[in-house]
Amino acid sequence: MSERRVIFIGKKPLHSYVRAVVMAMESGDHSIQLVARGATISRAVDVAEVCRRRSGHIAQNLPETVTIERLSCESEELTNDEGKVRTVSVLRIDLQGEGQSETSE
Protein backbone atom coordinates (compact mmCIF):
# COMPACT_ATOMS: atom_id res chain seq x y z
CA MET A 1 0.00 0.00 0.00
CA SER A 2 1.36 3.39 -0.94
CA GLU A 3 1.73 6.13 1.63
CA ARG A 4 -1.21 8.50 1.92
CA ARG A 5 -0.90 12.27 1.71
CA VAL A 6 -2.21 13.75 4.97
CA ILE A 7 -4.33 16.91 5.03
CA PHE A 8 -4.96 18.37 8.49
CA ILE A 9 -8.37 20.01 8.81
CA GLY A 10 -8.46 23.25 10.77
CA LYS A 11 -10.59 26.38 10.89
CA LYS A 12 -10.26 27.55 7.28
CA PRO A 13 -13.36 27.53 5.07
CA LEU A 14 -14.58 24.21 3.69
CA HIS A 15 -13.61 25.00 0.10
CA SER A 16 -9.96 25.46 1.12
CA TYR A 17 -9.72 21.82 2.16
CA VAL A 18 -11.69 20.57 -0.85
CA ARG A 19 -9.25 22.50 -3.04
CA ALA A 20 -6.32 20.86 -1.19
CA VAL A 21 -7.78 17.40 -1.92
CA VAL A 22 -8.32 18.33 -5.59
CA MET A 23 -4.77 19.66 -5.94
CA ALA A 24 -3.30 16.54 -4.30
CA MET A 25 -5.27 14.23 -6.57
CA GLU A 26 -4.43 16.27 -9.67
CA SER A 27 -0.73 15.89 -8.79
CA GLY A 28 -1.11 12.11 -8.69
CA ASP A 29 -1.78 11.40 -5.00
CA HIS A 30 -5.03 9.46 -5.17
CA SER A 31 -4.77 8.26 -1.56
CA ILE A 32 -5.56 11.06 0.89
CA GLN A 33 -6.06 11.04 4.64
CA LEU A 34 -8.04 13.83 6.28
CA VAL A 35 -7.14 14.34 9.95
CA ALA A 36 -9.27 16.45 12.29
CA ARG A 37 -9.15 17.05 16.02
CA GLY A 38 -11.90 18.21 18.36
CA ALA A 39 -14.22 20.89 16.99
CA THR A 40 -12.98 20.51 13.40
CA ILE A 41 -14.24 16.92 13.07
CA SER A 42 -17.54 18.02 11.53
CA ARG A 43 -15.66 20.07 8.92
CA ALA A 44 -13.60 16.99 7.96
CA VAL A 45 -16.80 14.99 7.46
CA ASP A 46 -18.17 17.78 5.25
CA VAL A 47 -14.96 17.84 3.17
CA ALA A 48 -15.09 14.08 2.68
CA GLU A 49 -18.75 14.19 1.62
CA VAL A 50 -18.23 17.06 -0.84
CA CYS A 51 -15.34 15.14 -2.39
CA ARG A 52 -17.21 11.82 -2.41
CA ARG A 53 -20.26 13.37 -4.08
CA ARG A 54 -18.09 15.59 -6.30
CA SER A 55 -20.48 18.43 -5.56
CA GLY A 56 -19.64 22.06 -6.17
CA HIS A 57 -17.55 23.78 -8.81
CA ILE A 58 -14.17 23.02 -7.22
CA ALA A 59 -14.90 19.31 -6.65
CA GLN A 60 -15.72 18.72 -10.33
CA ASN A 61 -11.96 18.35 -11.00
CA LEU A 62 -11.70 15.26 -8.78
CA PRO A 63 -11.30 11.75 -10.26
CA GLU A 64 -14.44 9.97 -11.53
CA THR A 65 -14.95 8.15 -8.23
CA VAL A 66 -13.86 9.20 -4.73
CA THR A 67 -14.61 6.68 -2.00
CA ILE A 68 -14.21 6.73 1.75
CA GLU A 69 -12.06 3.67 2.39
CA ARG A 70 -11.68 3.84 6.14
CA LEU A 71 -12.72 5.88 9.16
CA SER A 72 -10.68 5.86 12.34
CA CYS A 73 -11.80 7.46 15.59
CA GLU A 74 -9.34 7.73 18.44
CA SER A 75 -8.03 10.13 21.05
CA GLU A 76 -4.67 11.80 21.55
CA GLU A 77 -3.08 13.49 24.52
CA LEU A 78 -1.77 16.95 23.69
CA THR A 79 0.28 19.20 25.94
CA ASN A 80 -0.51 22.92 25.81
CA ASP A 81 1.94 25.80 26.31
CA GLU A 82 1.34 25.76 30.06
CA GLY A 83 2.27 22.09 30.33
CA LYS A 84 -1.26 20.78 30.88
CA VAL A 85 -2.15 17.51 29.17
CA ARG A 86 -5.49 17.42 27.36
CA THR A 87 -7.23 14.48 25.70
CA VAL A 88 -8.62 15.35 22.27
CA SER A 89 -10.77 13.28 19.91
CA VAL A 90 -9.21 12.60 16.50
CA LEU A 91 -10.98 11.47 13.32
CA ARG A 92 -9.03 10.11 10.34
CA ILE A 93 -10.82 9.71 7.00
CA ASP A 94 -9.04 7.82 4.21
CA LEU A 95 -10.16 8.87 0.72
CA GLN A 96 -9.31 7.02 -2.48
CA GLY A 97 -9.73 8.56 -5.93
CA GLU A 98 -10.15 6.28 -8.92
CA GLY A 99 -10.27 7.16 -12.59
CA GLN A 100 -9.26 10.31 -14.42
CA SER A 101 -10.15 13.82 -13.37
CA GLU A 102 -12.08 16.00 -15.79
CA THR A 103 -9.08 18.24 -16.38
CA SER A 104 -6.66 15.44 -17.28
CA GLU A 105 -6.76 14.12 -20.82
C-alpha atoms as a PDB file:
ATOM      1  CA  MET A   1       0.000   0.000   0.000  1.00  0.00           C
ATOM      2  CA  SER A   2       1.362   3.394  -0.938  1.00  0.00           C
ATOM      3  CA  GLU A   3       1.733   6.126   1.625  1.00  0.00           C
ATOM      4  CA  ARG A   4      -1.213   8.502   1.922  1.00  0.00           C
ATOM      5  CA  ARG A   5      -0.905  12.269   1.714  1.00  0.00           C
ATOM      6  CA  VAL A   6      -2.210  13.750   4.971  1.00  0.00           C
ATOM      7  CA  ILE A   7      -4.326  16.912   5.035  1.00  0.00           C
ATOM      8  CA  PHE A   8      -4.958  18.371   8.490  1.00  0.00           C
ATOM      9  CA  ILE A   9      -8.368  20.006   8.810  1.00  0.00           C
ATOM     10  CA  GLY A  10      -8.460  23.253  10.774  1.00  0.00           C
ATOM     11  CA  LYS A  11     -10.589  26.382  10.891  1.00  0.00           C
ATOM     12  CA  LYS A  12     -10.256  27.548   7.278  1.00  0.00           C
ATOM     13  CA  PRO A  13     -13.361  27.534   5.068  1.00  0.00           C
ATOM     14  CA  LEU A  14     -14.576  24.205   3.691  1.00  0.00           C
ATOM     15  CA  HIS A  15     -13.611  24.995   0.096  1.00  0.00           C
ATOM     16  CA  SER A  16      -9.957  25.463   1.118  1.00  0.00           C
ATOM     17  CA  TYR A  17      -9.720  21.819   2.160  1.00  0.00           C
ATOM     18  CA  VAL A  18     -11.686  20.565  -0.852  1.00  0.00           C
ATOM     19  CA  ARG A  19      -9.247  22.497  -3.045  1.00  0.00           C
ATOM     20  CA  ALA A  20      -6.316  20.860  -1.190  1.00  0.00           C
ATOM     21  CA  VAL A  21      -7.782  17.402  -1.920  1.00  0.00           C
ATOM     22  CA  VAL A  22      -8.319  18.333  -5.588  1.00  0.00           C
ATOM     23  CA  MET A  23      -4.766  19.660  -5.945  1.00  0.00           C
ATOM     24  CA  ALA A  24      -3.297  16.542  -4.300  1.00  0.00           C
ATOM     25  CA  MET A  25      -5.268  14.226  -6.573  1.00  0.00           C
ATOM     26  CA  GLU A  26      -4.426  16.274  -9.674  1.00  0.00           C
ATOM     27  CA  SER A  27      -0.734  15.893  -8.795  1.00  0.00           C
ATOM     28  CA  GLY A  28      -1.114  12.109  -8.690  1.00  0.00           C
ATOM     29  CA  ASP A  29      -1.777  11.404  -5.003  1.00  0.00           C
ATOM     30  CA  HIS A  30      -5.031   9.462  -5.171  1.00  0.00           C
ATOM     31  CA  SER A  31      -4.770   8.256  -1.557  1.00  0.00           C
ATOM     32  CA  ILE A  32      -5.561  11.061   0.887  1.00  0.00           C
ATOM     33  CA  GLN A  33      -6.057  11.041   4.643  1.00  0.00           C
ATOM     34  CA  LEU A  34      -8.040  13.835   6.280  1.00  0.00           C
ATOM     35  CA  VAL A  35      -7.142  14.337   9.951  1.00  0.00           C
ATOM     36  CA  ALA A  36      -9.270  16.450  12.288  1.00  0.00           C
ATOM     37  CA  ARG A  37      -9.154  17.046  16.019  1.00  0.00           C
ATOM     38  CA  GLY A  38     -11.903  18.210  18.359  1.00  0.00           C
ATOM     39  CA  ALA A  39     -14.215  20.889  16.988  1.00  0.00           C
ATOM     40  CA  THR A  40     -12.980  20.509  13.404  1.00  0.00           C
ATOM     41  CA  ILE A  41     -14.237  16.917  13.068  1.00  0.00           C
ATOM     42  CA  SER A  42     -17.541  18.017  11.531  1.00  0.00           C
ATOM     43  CA  ARG A  43     -15.655  20.070   8.917  1.00  0.00           C
ATOM     44  CA  ALA A  44     -13.601  16.992   7.956  1.00  0.00           C
ATOM     45  CA  VAL A  45     -16.803  14.985   7.459  1.00  0.00           C
ATOM     46  CA  ASP A  46     -18.173  17.782   5.254  1.00  0.00           C
ATOM     47  CA  VAL A  47     -14.960  17.845   3.169  1.00  0.00           C
ATOM     48  CA  ALA A  48     -15.092  14.076   2.684  1.00  0.00           C
ATOM     49  CA  GLU A  49     -18.745  14.187   1.619  1.00  0.00           C
ATOM     50  CA  VAL A  50     -18.230  17.063  -0.835  1.00  0.00           C
ATOM     51  CA  CYS A  51     -15.345  15.136  -2.389  1.00  0.00           C
ATOM     52  CA  ARG A  52     -17.211  11.824  -2.414  1.00  0.00           C
ATOM     53  CA  ARG A  53     -20.257  13.366  -4.076  1.00  0.00           C
ATOM     54  CA  ARG A  54     -18.094  15.587  -6.304  1.00  0.00           C
ATOM     55  CA  SER A  55     -20.485  18.432  -5.558  1.00  0.00           C
ATOM     56  CA  GLY A  56     -19.638  22.064  -6.167  1.00  0.00           C
ATOM     57  CA  HIS A  57     -17.551  23.777  -8.810  1.00  0.00           C
ATOM     58  CA  ILE A  58     -14.169  23.018  -7.218  1.00  0.00           C
ATOM     59  CA  ALA A  59     -14.900  19.309  -6.647  1.00  0.00           C
ATOM     60  CA  GLN A  60     -15.715  18.720 -10.330  1.00  0.00           C
ATOM     61  CA  ASN A  61     -11.960  18.351 -10.999  1.00  0.00           C
ATOM     62  CA  LEU A  62     -11.705  15.260  -8.780  1.00  0.00           C
ATOM     63  CA  PRO A  63     -11.303  11.753 -10.256  1.00  0.00           C
ATOM     64  CA  GLU A  64     -14.436   9.975 -11.531  1.00  0.00           C
ATOM     65  CA  THR A  65     -14.950   8.153  -8.225  1.00  0.00           C
ATOM     66  CA  VAL A  66     -13.861   9.200  -4.732  1.00  0.00           C
ATOM     67  CA  THR A  67     -14.606   6.684  -1.997  1.00  0.00           C
ATOM     68  CA  ILE A  68     -14.208   6.731   1.752  1.00  0.00           C
ATOM     69  CA  GLU A  69     -12.057   3.673   2.394  1.00  0.00           C
ATOM     70  CA  ARG A  70     -11.679   3.843   6.141  1.00  0.00           C
ATOM     71  CA  LEU A  71     -12.723   5.883   9.163  1.00  0.00           C
ATOM     72  CA  SER A  72     -10.676   5.860  12.344  1.00  0.00           C
ATOM     73  CA  CYS A  73     -11.801   7.462  15.592  1.00  0.00           C
ATOM     74  CA  GLU A  74      -9.337   7.729  18.438  1.00  0.00           C
ATOM     75  CA  SER A  75      -8.029  10.130  21.052  1.00  0.00           C
ATOM     76  CA  GLU A  76      -4.673  11.796  21.554  1.00  0.00           C
ATOM     77  CA  GLU A  77      -3.082  13.486  24.517  1.00  0.00           C
ATOM     78  CA  LEU A  78      -1.772  16.950  23.685  1.00  0.00           C
ATOM     79  CA  THR A  79       0.281  19.196  25.941  1.00  0.00           C
ATOM     80  CA  ASN A  80      -0.508  22.916  25.809  1.00  0.00           C
ATOM     81  CA  ASP A  81       1.942  25.797  26.306  1.00  0.00           C
ATOM     82  CA  GLU A  82       1.338  25.762  30.056  1.00  0.00           C
ATOM     83  CA  GLY A  83       2.270  22.087  30.334  1.00  0.00           C
ATOM     84  CA  LYS A  84      -1.263  20.782  30.879  1.00  0.00           C
ATOM     85  CA  VAL A  85      -2.154  17.515  29.169  1.00  0.00           C
ATOM     86  CA  ARG A  86      -5.486  17.419  27.357  1.00  0.00           C
ATOM     87  CA  THR A  87      -7.228  14.477  25.705  1.00  0.00           C
ATOM     88  CA  VAL A  88      -8.621  15.354  22.273  1.00  0.00           C
ATOM     89  CA  SER A  89     -10.766  13.284  19.911  1.00  0.00           C
ATOM     90  CA  VAL A  90      -9.212  12.599  16.497  1.00  0.00           C
ATOM     91  CA  LEU A  91     -10.979  11.473  13.318  1.00  0.00           C
ATOM     92  CA  ARG A  92      -9.032  10.114  10.338  1.00  0.00           C
ATOM     93  CA  ILE A  93     -10.815   9.707   7.001  1.00  0.00           C
ATOM     94  CA  ASP A  94      -9.043   7.818   4.207  1.00  0.00           C
ATOM     95  CA  LEU A  95     -10.159   8.874   0.716  1.00  0.00           C
ATOM     96  CA  GLN A  96      -9.312   7.022  -2.484  1.00  0.00           C
ATOM     97  CA  GLY A  97      -9.732   8.563  -5.931  1.00  0.00           C
ATOM     98  CA  GLU A  98     -10.155   6.277  -8.921  1.00  0.00           C
ATOM     99  CA  GLY A  99     -10.273   7.161 -12.588  1.00  0.00           C
ATOM    100  CA  GLN A 100      -9.263  10.312 -14.421  1.00  0.00           C
ATOM    101  CA  SER A 101     -10.145  13.821 -13.370  1.00  0.00           C
ATOM    102  CA  GLU A 102     -12.085  15.997 -15.789  1.00  0.00           C
ATOM    103  CA  THR A 103      -9.076  18.240 -16.381  1.00  0.00           C
ATOM    104  CA  SER A 104      -6.662  15.444 -17.276  1.00  0.00           C
ATOM    105  CA  GLU A 105      -6.759  14.122 -20.820  1.00  0.00           C
END
